Amino acid sequence: MVEQQAFFFAEANAVPEDPTARGLLADLAAGTTPDRSPVQIDTFGRSGKVGPIPTFVDEFWTARQRAASSLHEVSYRACFKPALPRFFIDRLTEPGDVVLDPFAGRGTTVVEAAIHGRIGWGVDVNPLCRVLVEPRLRPPTLEQVEARLSELDLESEPGEWPEELLVFFHPDTLRELVNLRAWLLGRVAAGALDPIDAWIRMVAVNRLTGHSPGFFSVYTLPPNQAVSVDAQRKINLKRGQTPPRRDVRERILRKSKALLKDCDAELRVTLAGVADRCRVVTAEAAATGLPEGQAALVITSPPFLDVVQYQADNWLRCWFCGIDADAVAITHLRRLEDWEVAMTKALCDSATRLRPGGFVAFEVGEVRKGTIRLEESVLDCGRDAGLEPVAVMVHDQRFTKTANCWGIGNNSHGTNTNRIVLLQRPGRDSA
C-alpha cells in the first residue's frame, strides 16, 4: 500500500477540463450538508502511478436524504442505500439517460434510475437479480395481487416434500410454499409468467426466512442470510423453538402493501414510461451487452474480496426459484491481485458502454479491518481501463473533522462508510 496521504490538496492536482466534472468537484469541496465542511485529502493508486486524486470525506446524504421509495425495501446482502445512486443520478444524468450497473445485486441502481425517469440497465451473474428487480419496474396493484393469490390452490398435498426444510417451516406453511413454488415454476416453464406472478414470486423470495413473525420461517438469521439446515437445527435447539404456522398469502399481501406504499399514480406513470427500455441481464460484469456509447453513468458496487458468501446466503432463495446455486459463478476472490484483474475487466467493459464524458461511480468498502483500501486499487484499474480519475468520496455517516475519519478510527466504533471512486470516460458527448 502506498502511504502518501495528507490533509491538503497536492499542487499536482489538475483541474478537470470537463465542466460537469469541475462542477461536481466544486460541490464536493463546498460540502453537501448544512453546517459541515468536508475534510479534503489526497489518494494515490496502490501502484503509486495514479494520483494525487482529490478526496472528500463528508456525510453526502443525511438521514432524511437516505429515506427512499418503499419499492427498495427488499433484503439482499451487502447492498448500498438508494441515496447513493440518487446522489449521482441527480447530478450527472438527465431523464431518459441510461444508467448501468454491472454488479446489480438486488437492483438498487436500476430501480432508483427508473423511479427518476432514467433507463436502468442491470447486469448480474446471479439469476436472482432478475427475480428481484423486474417486478419492481412493473408493480401491480395490491388488489391484483390479492385476486391472483385467491385463485391459487396452496393447500393440496404436494407431490414432492422437502422434509429437511421443516427445520425452518411449519408443515402447513411448507405445504403452501411447495405448492406456490410448483405453480410459479410451471408458469415459467409455460412462458406464462406475468407481472403479477413475478411480483408474488419476488415477495415470497423475500419472506422465506427471517427473524420476525412477518416471515414464513421460525426465528433465524436476517432474511439476507439463509443458514444451512444443520445450523438452523442448532438455532432451534438453543432457543427451544419449533416452527409456528405462518399464513403464506397473508404475509405476501402484507409485504406487498408495504412495498407499494409509495407507488402513487405519478410514480406508476414514470415507471411505465421507462420499464420497456430497462433491462436486467444475467451475465458477468465484463459482458453487459449494452450497446457501446449508450450509458451516461455507471453506478456499481462489486463483491469485496472474500467478505460476503453470496451462494451460501442465497441457497434457499435459489431453491424456491428453481435455480442451481452451485452453478452460479459469482465472483468470490481472496487475493487482491485477482480482484484487481476482475475489476479491470469489468471497468474495460463499462468504459466502452459509456458515452464520451460519461462517469463511473464505483463504490467499495473497507476489508480486512481497514488494512486494504480498495479505492486505491480501483484507481489503478480505472487507469488500465482507459478511464480518467476525477475524485474519491468517503461518505461517513458519523462525520467528524479528525484524522480518524480517514484512518478507520471511527469505524472501529461502528461508523458506516462508503468509498466511491469517480472516474470519467475521456472526450465530450456530441449529442
Protein backbone atom coordinates (compact mmCIF):
# COMPACT_ATOMS: atom_id res chain seq x y z
CA MET A 1 0.00 0.00 0.00
CA VAL A 2 1.31 3.42 -0.85
CA GLU A 3 1.17 5.71 2.21
CA GLN A 4 1.15 9.11 0.54
CA GLN A 5 -1.93 10.74 2.00
CA ALA A 6 -2.07 14.16 3.65
CA PHE A 7 -4.73 16.60 4.74
CA PHE A 8 -4.27 19.03 1.90
CA PHE A 9 -4.62 19.04 -1.88
CA ALA A 10 -1.30 18.46 -3.59
CA GLU A 11 -0.35 21.15 -6.06
CA ALA A 12 -0.17 18.48 -8.75
CA ASN A 13 -3.96 18.06 -8.73
CA ALA A 14 -5.16 19.06 -12.17
CA VAL A 15 -8.47 20.86 -12.65
CA PRO A 16 -10.64 18.74 -14.99
CA GLU A 17 -11.38 20.24 -18.37
CA ASP A 18 -14.90 18.85 -18.42
CA PRO A 19 -17.34 21.42 -16.96
CA THR A 20 -19.55 18.72 -15.36
CA ALA A 21 -16.55 17.24 -13.54
CA ARG A 22 -15.43 20.71 -12.45
CA GLY A 23 -18.90 21.48 -11.15
CA LEU A 24 -19.09 18.22 -9.22
CA LEU A 25 -15.69 18.84 -7.62
CA ALA A 26 -16.79 22.33 -6.62
CA ASP A 27 -19.92 20.91 -4.99
CA LEU A 28 -17.92 18.29 -3.11
CA ALA A 29 -15.39 20.86 -1.91
CA ALA A 30 -18.14 23.19 -0.71
CA GLY A 31 -19.89 20.41 1.18
CA THR A 32 -23.30 18.93 0.57
CA THR A 33 -24.81 19.08 4.07
CA PRO A 34 -25.59 22.19 6.14
CA ASP A 35 -23.18 23.41 8.84
CA ARG A 36 -20.49 20.99 7.86
CA SER A 37 -17.34 21.26 5.77
CA PRO A 38 -15.72 18.22 4.20
CA VAL A 39 -12.24 17.03 5.05
CA GLN A 40 -10.11 17.23 1.91
CA ILE A 41 -7.17 14.91 1.38
CA ASP A 42 -5.37 13.12 -1.45
CA THR A 43 -5.49 9.48 -2.53
CA PHE A 44 -3.00 7.61 -4.70
CA GLY A 45 -3.41 4.40 -6.64
CA ARG A 46 -1.98 1.31 -4.98
CA SER A 47 0.75 1.19 -7.60
CA GLY A 48 1.77 4.78 -6.89
CA LYS A 49 1.27 5.65 -10.57
CA VAL A 50 -2.12 7.32 -10.18
CA GLY A 51 -2.57 10.44 -8.13
CA PRO A 52 -2.78 12.57 -6.18
CA ILE A 53 -6.56 12.40 -6.58
CA PRO A 54 -8.74 14.85 -4.60
CA THR A 55 -10.60 13.01 -1.88
CA PHE A 56 -13.55 14.33 0.13
CA VAL A 57 -14.65 12.95 3.49
CA ASP A 58 -18.17 14.09 4.31
CA GLU A 59 -21.72 12.98 5.03
CA PHE A 60 -23.00 13.35 1.49
CA TRP A 61 -26.56 12.30 2.28
CA THR A 62 -28.19 12.89 5.63
CA ALA A 63 -30.57 10.60 7.48
CA ARG A 64 -33.50 12.48 5.96
CA GLN A 65 -31.99 12.22 2.48
CA ARG A 66 -31.44 8.49 2.96
CA ALA A 67 -35.21 7.98 3.03
CA ALA A 68 -36.07 6.02 -0.10
CA SER A 69 -39.03 4.74 -2.07
CA SER A 70 -40.83 1.83 -0.48
CA LEU A 71 -40.05 -0.18 -3.65
CA HIS A 72 -36.48 -0.57 -2.37
CA GLU A 73 -37.47 -2.48 0.76
CA VAL A 74 -36.11 -5.79 -0.49
CA SER A 75 -33.47 -7.63 1.54
CA TYR A 76 -30.14 -8.52 -0.05
CA ARG A 77 -26.70 -8.94 1.47
CA ALA A 78 -24.19 -6.08 1.21
CA CYS A 79 -26.25 -3.66 -0.86
CA PHE A 80 -25.91 0.11 -0.76
CA LYS A 81 -28.62 2.58 0.17
CA PRO A 82 -30.70 4.14 -2.64
CA ALA A 83 -29.38 7.56 -1.62
CA LEU A 84 -26.01 6.64 -3.13
CA PRO A 85 -27.18 6.15 -6.74
CA ARG A 86 -29.66 9.01 -6.34
CA PHE A 87 -26.79 11.38 -5.46
CA PHE A 88 -25.10 10.71 -8.80
CA ILE A 89 -28.25 10.28 -10.90
CA ASP A 90 -29.42 13.75 -9.83
CA ARG A 91 -26.10 15.41 -10.64
CA LEU A 92 -24.80 13.53 -13.67
CA THR A 93 -27.82 12.45 -15.75
CA GLU A 94 -31.00 13.73 -17.35
CA PRO A 95 -34.37 11.97 -17.74
CA GLY A 96 -34.12 9.35 -20.46
CA ASP A 97 -30.40 8.72 -19.90
CA VAL A 98 -29.10 5.18 -19.49
CA VAL A 99 -27.65 4.22 -16.09
CA LEU A 100 -25.67 0.96 -15.99
CA ASP A 101 -24.88 -1.28 -13.02
CA PRO A 102 -22.68 -4.28 -13.93
CA PHE A 103 -22.90 -5.75 -10.39
CA ALA A 104 -26.61 -5.14 -9.94
CA GLY A 105 -27.37 -7.37 -6.93
CA ARG A 106 -30.86 -6.52 -5.69
CA GLY A 107 -31.12 -3.79 -8.34
CA THR A 108 -30.92 -0.63 -6.24
CA THR A 109 -29.34 1.36 -9.09
CA VAL A 110 -31.77 0.07 -11.72
CA VAL A 111 -34.88 0.72 -9.63
CA GLU A 112 -33.70 4.15 -8.46
CA ALA A 113 -32.86 5.12 -12.04
CA ALA A 114 -36.33 4.08 -13.22
CA ILE A 115 -38.01 5.94 -10.35
CA HIS A 116 -36.36 9.10 -11.67
CA GLY A 117 -37.21 8.51 -15.30
CA ARG A 118 -33.86 7.08 -16.36
CA ILE A 119 -33.24 3.82 -18.23
CA GLY A 120 -31.78 1.31 -15.79
CA TRP A 121 -29.58 -1.46 -17.22
CA GLY A 122 -28.60 -4.02 -14.61
CA VAL A 123 -26.24 -6.95 -15.02
CA ASP A 124 -25.53 -9.70 -12.53
CA VAL A 125 -24.28 -13.26 -12.83
CA ASN A 126 -26.88 -14.38 -10.28
CA PRO A 127 -30.29 -15.10 -11.88
CA LEU A 128 -31.89 -13.94 -8.62
CA CYS A 129 -31.20 -10.40 -9.76
CA ARG A 130 -33.92 -10.59 -12.41
CA VAL A 131 -36.29 -12.18 -9.90
CA LEU A 132 -35.79 -9.26 -7.52
CA VAL A 133 -35.64 -6.35 -9.97
CA GLU A 134 -38.03 -6.81 -12.88
CA PRO A 135 -41.26 -6.98 -10.83
CA ARG A 136 -40.48 -3.63 -9.20
CA LEU A 137 -40.26 -1.95 -12.59
CA ARG A 138 -43.87 -3.01 -13.31
CA PRO A 139 -45.54 -3.13 -9.90
CA PRO A 140 -49.10 -4.44 -9.84
CA THR A 141 -51.79 -3.04 -7.58
CA LEU A 142 -52.47 -4.61 -4.22
CA GLU A 143 -55.91 -5.63 -5.49
CA GLN A 144 -54.33 -7.52 -8.40
CA VAL A 145 -52.00 -9.37 -6.04
CA GLU A 146 -54.86 -10.30 -3.71
CA ALA A 147 -57.01 -11.53 -6.60
CA ARG A 148 -54.23 -13.71 -8.01
CA LEU A 149 -53.42 -15.25 -4.63
CA SER A 150 -57.07 -16.10 -4.11
CA GLU A 151 -57.05 -18.16 -7.31
CA LEU A 152 -54.22 -20.44 -6.16
CA ASP A 153 -54.62 -23.82 -4.51
CA LEU A 154 -51.89 -23.85 -1.87
CA GLU A 155 -53.48 -26.40 0.48
CA SER A 156 -53.31 -29.63 -1.58
CA GLU A 157 -50.76 -32.29 -0.73
CA PRO A 158 -47.74 -31.65 -2.98
CA GLY A 159 -46.10 -34.38 -4.99
CA GLU A 160 -42.68 -33.62 -3.51
CA TRP A 161 -41.99 -32.84 0.13
CA PRO A 162 -38.53 -31.48 1.10
CA GLU A 163 -38.66 -32.69 4.71
CA GLU A 164 -35.29 -31.15 5.57
CA LEU A 165 -36.93 -27.70 5.32
CA LEU A 166 -39.19 -28.49 8.25
CA VAL A 167 -36.45 -27.06 10.48
CA PHE A 168 -37.48 -23.66 9.05
CA PHE A 169 -41.21 -24.04 8.37
CA HIS A 170 -44.34 -25.45 9.98
CA PRO A 171 -45.69 -28.38 7.90
CA ASP A 172 -48.73 -26.35 6.77
CA THR A 173 -46.54 -23.39 5.81
CA LEU A 174 -44.13 -25.62 3.92
CA ARG A 175 -47.06 -27.22 2.08
CA GLU A 176 -48.22 -23.79 0.92
CA LEU A 177 -44.68 -22.80 -0.13
CA VAL A 178 -44.09 -26.01 -2.07
CA ASN A 179 -47.39 -25.57 -3.90
CA LEU A 180 -46.67 -21.91 -4.64
CA ARG A 181 -43.20 -22.80 -5.89
CA ALA A 182 -44.57 -25.54 -8.16
CA TRP A 183 -47.21 -23.21 -9.59
CA LEU A 184 -44.67 -20.45 -10.29
CA LEU A 185 -42.18 -22.85 -11.88
CA GLY A 186 -44.99 -24.18 -14.05
CA ARG A 187 -45.83 -20.65 -15.19
CA VAL A 188 -42.18 -20.05 -16.05
CA ALA A 189 -41.92 -23.30 -18.00
CA ALA A 190 -45.06 -22.45 -19.96
CA GLY A 191 -43.85 -18.92 -20.73
CA ALA A 192 -46.94 -17.62 -18.93
CA LEU A 193 -45.35 -15.74 -16.00
CA ASP A 194 -46.92 -12.27 -15.99
CA PRO A 195 -46.03 -9.18 -13.89
CA ILE A 196 -48.43 -10.20 -11.11
CA ASP A 197 -46.91 -13.68 -10.88
CA ALA A 198 -43.41 -12.22 -10.95
CA TRP A 199 -44.32 -9.83 -8.14
CA ILE A 200 -45.69 -12.66 -5.98
CA ARG A 201 -42.50 -14.67 -6.58
CA MET A 202 -40.32 -11.70 -5.66
CA VAL A 203 -42.21 -11.03 -2.43
CA ALA A 204 -42.25 -14.72 -1.48
CA VAL A 205 -38.50 -14.94 -2.00
CA ASN A 206 -38.06 -12.05 0.41
CA ARG A 207 -40.33 -13.57 3.07
CA LEU A 208 -38.78 -17.05 3.15
CA THR A 209 -36.67 -16.76 6.29
CA GLY A 210 -36.08 -14.05 8.84
CA HIS A 211 -36.10 -13.04 12.47
CA SER A 212 -39.65 -11.74 12.94
CA PRO A 213 -43.22 -13.08 12.57
CA GLY A 214 -43.52 -11.31 9.22
CA PHE A 215 -41.53 -14.11 7.59
CA PHE A 216 -42.64 -17.63 6.73
CA SER A 217 -39.99 -19.26 8.92
CA VAL A 218 -39.30 -19.75 12.59
CA TYR A 219 -36.76 -17.32 14.08
CA THR A 220 -33.47 -17.45 12.18
CA LEU A 221 -30.84 -15.05 10.81
CA PRO A 222 -31.92 -11.89 8.93
CA PRO A 223 -33.57 -12.54 5.55
CA ASN A 224 -30.45 -11.82 3.51
CA GLN A 225 -28.60 -14.72 5.15
CA ALA A 226 -30.15 -18.18 4.90
CA VAL A 227 -28.34 -20.51 7.26
CA SER A 228 -27.83 -24.19 6.48
CA VAL A 229 -30.26 -26.87 7.62
CA ASP A 230 -27.79 -28.07 10.26
CA ALA A 231 -27.21 -24.54 11.52
CA GLN A 232 -30.96 -23.97 11.85
CA ARG A 233 -31.35 -27.18 13.84
CA LYS A 234 -28.80 -25.76 16.30
CA ILE A 235 -30.65 -22.43 16.48
CA ASN A 236 -33.93 -24.26 17.17
CA LEU A 237 -32.33 -26.38 19.87
CA LYS A 238 -30.64 -23.43 21.54
CA ARG A 239 -33.81 -21.35 21.56
CA GLY A 240 -36.13 -24.28 22.34
CA GLN A 241 -38.30 -23.34 19.36
CA THR A 242 -40.37 -25.13 16.74
CA PRO A 243 -41.63 -23.51 13.53
CA PRO A 244 -45.04 -21.87 14.05
CA ARG A 245 -47.83 -21.83 11.48
CA ARG A 246 -47.43 -18.87 9.11
CA ASP A 247 -50.05 -17.97 6.52
CA VAL A 248 -48.25 -17.53 3.18
CA ARG A 249 -50.94 -15.50 1.43
CA GLU A 250 -51.35 -13.11 4.36
CA ARG A 251 -47.63 -12.39 4.57
CA ILE A 252 -47.26 -11.86 0.83
CA LEU A 253 -50.12 -9.36 0.94
CA ARG A 254 -48.72 -7.59 3.99
CA LYS A 255 -45.26 -7.20 2.42
CA SER A 256 -46.82 -6.16 -0.90
CA LYS A 257 -48.75 -3.40 0.86
CA ALA A 258 -45.51 -2.10 2.39
CA LEU A 259 -43.61 -2.23 -0.90
CA LEU A 260 -46.40 -0.46 -2.80
CA LYS A 261 -46.91 2.27 -0.20
CA ASP A 262 -45.17 4.93 -2.32
CA CYS A 263 -46.47 3.72 -5.68
CA ASP A 264 -48.83 6.60 -6.41
CA ALA A 265 -50.24 7.43 -9.85
CA GLU A 266 -47.32 9.73 -10.69
CA LEU A 267 -44.69 7.09 -9.97
CA ARG A 268 -46.60 4.46 -11.93
CA VAL A 269 -46.66 6.78 -14.95
CA THR A 270 -42.90 7.36 -14.62
CA LEU A 271 -42.14 3.65 -14.35
CA ALA A 272 -44.43 2.80 -17.26
CA GLY A 273 -42.54 5.30 -19.39
CA VAL A 274 -39.17 3.57 -18.93
CA ALA A 275 -39.88 -0.07 -17.95
CA ASP A 276 -39.90 -1.41 -21.50
CA ARG A 277 -36.46 0.08 -22.12
CA CYS A 278 -34.91 -1.05 -18.84
CA ARG A 279 -33.01 -4.33 -18.88
CA VAL A 280 -31.85 -6.88 -16.32
CA VAL A 281 -29.28 -9.22 -17.85
CA THR A 282 -27.90 -12.43 -16.35
CA ALA A 283 -24.23 -12.23 -17.31
CA GLU A 284 -20.78 -11.40 -15.99
CA ALA A 285 -19.89 -7.79 -15.32
CA ALA A 286 -17.42 -7.81 -18.20
CA ALA A 287 -20.20 -8.73 -20.68
CA THR A 288 -23.02 -6.30 -20.01
CA GLY A 289 -24.46 -6.42 -23.53
CA LEU A 290 -25.32 -2.72 -23.55
CA PRO A 291 -24.58 -1.12 -26.94
CA GLU A 292 -21.37 0.89 -26.97
CA GLY A 293 -21.50 4.55 -26.04
CA GLN A 294 -25.05 4.41 -24.63
CA ALA A 295 -24.64 4.94 -20.88
CA ALA A 296 -24.42 8.36 -19.29
CA LEU A 297 -23.46 6.89 -15.93
CA VAL A 298 -22.25 3.66 -14.33
CA ILE A 299 -23.03 3.13 -10.65
CA THR A 300 -21.95 -0.12 -9.08
CA SER A 301 -20.57 -1.92 -6.06
CA PRO A 302 -18.72 -5.19 -6.69
CA PRO A 303 -18.05 -8.07 -4.30
CA PHE A 304 -15.37 -7.03 -1.80
CA LEU A 305 -12.81 -9.84 -1.96
CA ASP A 306 -13.99 -12.68 0.33
CA VAL A 307 -16.23 -10.60 2.58
CA VAL A 308 -19.67 -11.97 1.59
CA GLN A 309 -20.68 -15.55 0.77
CA TYR A 310 -23.45 -14.87 -1.75
CA GLN A 311 -24.05 -18.51 -2.67
CA ALA A 312 -24.33 -19.65 0.93
CA ASP A 313 -26.62 -16.74 1.75
CA ASN A 314 -28.97 -17.34 -1.17
CA TRP A 315 -29.29 -21.13 -1.35
CA LEU A 316 -32.89 -21.19 -0.11
CA ARG A 317 -33.97 -18.40 -2.43
CA CYS A 318 -32.38 -20.28 -5.31
CA TRP A 319 -34.27 -23.44 -4.33
CA PHE A 320 -37.59 -21.60 -4.36
CA CYS A 321 -36.88 -20.14 -7.82
CA GLY A 322 -35.60 -23.40 -9.32
CA ILE A 323 -32.03 -22.08 -9.64
CA ASP A 324 -28.99 -24.30 -9.12
CA ALA A 325 -26.99 -22.20 -6.64
CA ASP A 326 -23.83 -24.23 -7.25
CA ALA A 327 -23.95 -23.37 -10.95
CA VAL A 328 -23.96 -19.61 -10.34
CA ALA A 329 -20.38 -18.43 -10.92
CA ILE A 330 -20.38 -15.48 -8.54
CA THR A 331 -17.10 -13.59 -8.26
CA HIS A 332 -15.51 -14.65 -4.99
CA LEU A 333 -11.85 -13.74 -4.87
CA ARG A 334 -9.46 -13.87 -1.94
CA ARG A 335 -6.28 -12.38 -3.45
CA LEU A 336 -6.22 -8.64 -4.06
CA GLU A 337 -4.33 -9.13 -7.31
CA ASP A 338 -7.06 -11.44 -8.66
CA TRP A 339 -9.72 -8.95 -7.60
CA GLU A 340 -7.90 -6.18 -9.46
CA VAL A 341 -7.81 -8.26 -12.64
CA ALA A 342 -11.55 -8.92 -12.43
CA MET A 343 -12.36 -5.26 -11.72
CA THR A 344 -10.19 -4.08 -14.60
CA LYS A 345 -12.10 -6.36 -16.97
CA ALA A 346 -15.41 -5.03 -15.67
CA LEU A 347 -14.27 -1.42 -15.98
CA CYS A 348 -12.99 -2.03 -19.51
CA ASP A 349 -16.48 -3.16 -20.50
CA SER A 350 -18.09 -0.24 -18.70
CA ALA A 351 -15.75 2.20 -20.42
CA THR A 352 -16.93 1.04 -23.84
CA ARG A 353 -20.59 1.28 -22.79
CA LEU A 354 -20.18 4.86 -21.56
CA ARG A 355 -20.68 7.76 -23.91
CA PRO A 356 -17.73 10.18 -24.13
CA GLY A 357 -17.71 12.28 -20.98
CA GLY A 358 -19.77 9.70 -19.07
CA PHE A 359 -18.99 8.89 -15.46
CA VAL A 360 -18.41 5.83 -13.27
CA ALA A 361 -19.23 5.86 -9.54
CA PHE A 362 -17.53 2.72 -8.21
CA GLU A 363 -18.34 2.00 -4.56
CA VAL A 364 -16.10 -0.18 -2.43
CA GLY A 365 -15.77 -0.89 1.25
CA GLU A 366 -13.04 -1.48 3.76
CA VAL A 367 -11.86 -5.05 4.06
CA ARG A 368 -9.68 -6.96 6.48
CA LYS A 369 -10.11 -4.43 9.27
CA GLY A 370 -9.15 -1.49 7.11
CA THR A 371 -5.74 -2.85 6.11
CA ILE A 372 -6.79 -2.86 2.44
CA ARG A 373 -8.27 0.25 0.85
CA LEU A 374 -9.91 -1.00 -2.30
CA GLU A 375 -10.37 2.55 -3.64
CA GLU A 376 -6.60 2.65 -4.23
CA SER A 377 -6.85 -0.46 -6.38
CA VAL A 378 -9.87 0.91 -8.27
CA LEU A 379 -7.86 3.98 -9.28
CA ASP A 380 -5.30 1.68 -10.91
CA CYS A 381 -7.99 -0.49 -12.50
CA GLY A 382 -9.70 2.58 -13.93
CA ARG A 383 -6.48 3.85 -15.43
CA ASP A 384 -5.84 0.47 -17.07
CA ALA A 385 -9.40 0.59 -18.49
CA GLY A 386 -8.75 3.97 -20.11
CA LEU A 387 -10.80 5.99 -17.62
CA GLU A 388 -9.68 9.24 -16.03
CA PRO A 389 -9.85 9.62 -12.23
CA VAL A 390 -11.95 12.55 -11.03
CA ALA A 391 -12.23 12.17 -7.25
CA VAL A 392 -12.66 9.81 -4.33
CA MET A 393 -15.57 10.29 -1.93
CA VAL A 394 -15.70 8.84 1.56
CA HIS A 395 -19.27 9.00 2.85
CA ASP A 396 -19.10 8.93 6.63
CA GLN A 397 -22.40 8.84 8.50
CA ARG A 398 -20.86 9.97 11.77
CA PHE A 399 -18.55 12.51 10.21
CA THR A 400 -16.04 14.32 12.45
CA LYS A 401 -13.23 16.67 11.41
CA THR A 402 -10.38 14.49 12.61
CA ALA A 403 -7.76 12.30 11.02
CA ASN A 404 -9.73 9.31 12.31
CA CYS A 405 -12.27 9.91 9.55
CA TRP A 406 -9.68 8.64 7.14
CA GLY A 407 -7.73 6.14 9.18
CA ILE A 408 -10.65 3.89 10.16
CA GLY A 409 -10.55 5.11 13.75
CA ASN A 410 -14.25 5.90 13.75
CA ASN A 411 -15.04 2.62 12.02
CA SER A 412 -13.73 0.70 15.00
CA HIS A 413 -16.74 2.15 16.82
CA GLY A 414 -19.23 1.24 14.13
CA THR A 415 -19.05 4.12 11.67
CA ASN A 416 -20.67 3.28 8.36
CA THR A 417 -18.63 4.49 5.39
CA ASN A 418 -18.94 4.20 1.63
CA ARG A 419 -15.85 4.82 -0.51
CA ILE A 420 -16.71 5.86 -4.03
CA VAL A 421 -14.18 6.30 -6.82
CA LEU A 422 -15.35 8.70 -9.52
CA LEU A 423 -13.98 8.02 -12.99
CA GLN A 424 -14.77 9.54 -16.38
CA ARG A 425 -14.52 8.41 -19.96
CA PRO A 426 -12.38 10.94 -21.87
CA GLY A 427 -13.99 13.09 -24.55
CA ARG A 428 -17.17 15.07 -24.94
CA ASP A 429 -20.59 13.79 -25.92
CA SER A 430 -21.52 15.08 -29.35
CA ALA A 431 -25.24 14.57 -28.78
